[in-house]
């Protein structure tokens, strides 16, 4: 009888703790996955930043996105074809 009471008491004490441990393990796993994803994205952004820091990349962006030209260059804008 005493053994049964002790087992029941242990279950009442241990069961909630096991549930918390299980939940925390799940949360830890999700956070580790998120950390891996963020580290990969960080590496990609660092590589892109390094790439964009070059003079060639800056010039390419200036020409393609901002329409800038070097001194003495002329801009040629093609006319749109009119369709009948």
Protein backbone atom coordinates (compact mmCIF):
# COMPACT_ATOMS: atom_id res chain seq x y z
CA UNK A 1 0.00 0.00 0.00
CA UNK A 2 2.79 2.40 0.92
CA UNK A 3 4.57 1.59 -2.34
CA UNK A 4 1.45 2.45 -4.33
CA UNK A 5 1.06 5.75 -2.53
CA UNK A 6 4.72 6.60 -3.13
CA UNK A 7 4.44 5.70 -6.82
CA UNK A 8 1.32 7.83 -7.18
CA UNK A 9 3.01 10.72 -5.40
CA UNK A 10 6.08 10.43 -7.64
CA UNK A 11 3.89 10.44 -10.74
CA UNK A 12 2.13 13.58 -9.55
CA UNK A 13 5.47 15.30 -9.03
CA UNK A 14 7.39 13.98 -12.05
CA UNK A 15 4.72 13.99 -14.79
CA UNK A 16 4.33 17.80 -15.03
CA UNK A 17 8.12 18.18 -15.06
CA UNK A 18 8.42 15.68 -17.92
CA UNK A 19 5.82 17.62 -19.91
CA UNK A 20 7.78 20.85 -19.40
CA UNK A 21 11.02 19.14 -20.42
CA UNK A 22 9.36 17.77 -23.57
CA UNK A 23 7.98 21.20 -24.51
CA UNK A 24 11.32 22.89 -23.89
CA UNK A 25 13.13 20.33 -26.05
CA UNK A 26 10.71 21.07 -28.89
CA UNK A 27 11.25 24.79 -28.47
CA UNK A 28 15.03 24.33 -28.39
CA UNK A 29 14.90 22.34 -31.63
CA UNK A 30 12.82 25.04 -33.36
CA UNK A 31 15.17 27.76 -32.15
CA UNK A 32 18.23 25.83 -33.34
CA UNK A 33 16.65 25.48 -36.79
CA UNK A 34 15.83 29.18 -36.87
CA UNK A 35 19.40 29.97 -35.81
CA UNK A 36 20.80 27.86 -38.67
CA UNK A 37 18.54 29.62 -41.18
CA UNK A 38 19.54 33.04 -39.87
CA UNK A 39 23.23 32.15 -39.96
CA UNK A 40 22.90 31.05 -43.60
CA UNK A 41 21.06 34.26 -44.50
CA UNK A 42 23.71 36.27 -42.67
CA UNK A 43 26.48 34.59 -44.69
CA UNK A 44 24.60 35.30 -47.92
CA UNK A 45 24.17 38.95 -46.97
CA UNK A 46 27.85 39.27 -46.01
CA UNK A 47 28.87 37.82 -49.37
CA UNK A 48 26.51 40.17 -51.18
CA UNK A 49 27.80 43.15 -49.20
CA UNK A 50 31.38 42.22 -50.05
CA UNK A 51 30.40 41.86 -53.71
CA UNK A 52 28.59 45.20 -53.73
CA UNK A 53 31.56 46.96 -52.16
CA UNK A 54 33.65 46.68 -55.32
CA UNK A 55 34.05 49.61 -57.70
CA UNK A 56 32.79 47.51 -60.61
CA UNK A 57 29.59 46.62 -58.78
CA UNK A 58 28.99 50.21 -57.74
CA UNK A 59 29.48 51.39 -61.32
CA UNK A 60 27.14 48.69 -62.63
CA UNK A 61 24.39 49.73 -60.20
CA UNK A 62 24.93 53.40 -61.02
CA UNK A 63 24.57 52.71 -64.74
CA UNK A 64 21.76 50.15 -64.71
CA UNK A 65 19.57 51.33 -61.87
CA UNK A 66 20.30 55.03 -61.66
CA UNK A 67 20.94 55.79 -65.34
CA UNK A 68 24.26 57.47 -64.63
CA UNK A 69 26.98 57.86 -67.26
CA UNK A 70 30.66 58.71 -67.22
CA UNK A 71 31.81 62.15 -68.20
CA UNK A 72 31.84 62.46 -71.99
CA UNK A 73 29.50 59.52 -72.59
CA UNK A 74 26.19 60.01 -74.34
CA UNK A 75 22.97 58.30 -73.45
CA UNK A 76 21.22 56.53 -76.29
CA UNK A 77 17.55 55.91 -75.70
CA UNK A 78 15.89 53.63 -78.25
CA UNK A 79 12.55 54.82 -79.57
CA UNK A 80 9.55 52.64 -79.03
CA UNK A 81 8.23 51.05 -82.18
CA UNK A 82 4.73 52.06 -83.06
CA UNK A 83 2.48 49.19 -84.01
CA UNK A 84 -0.24 49.76 -86.59
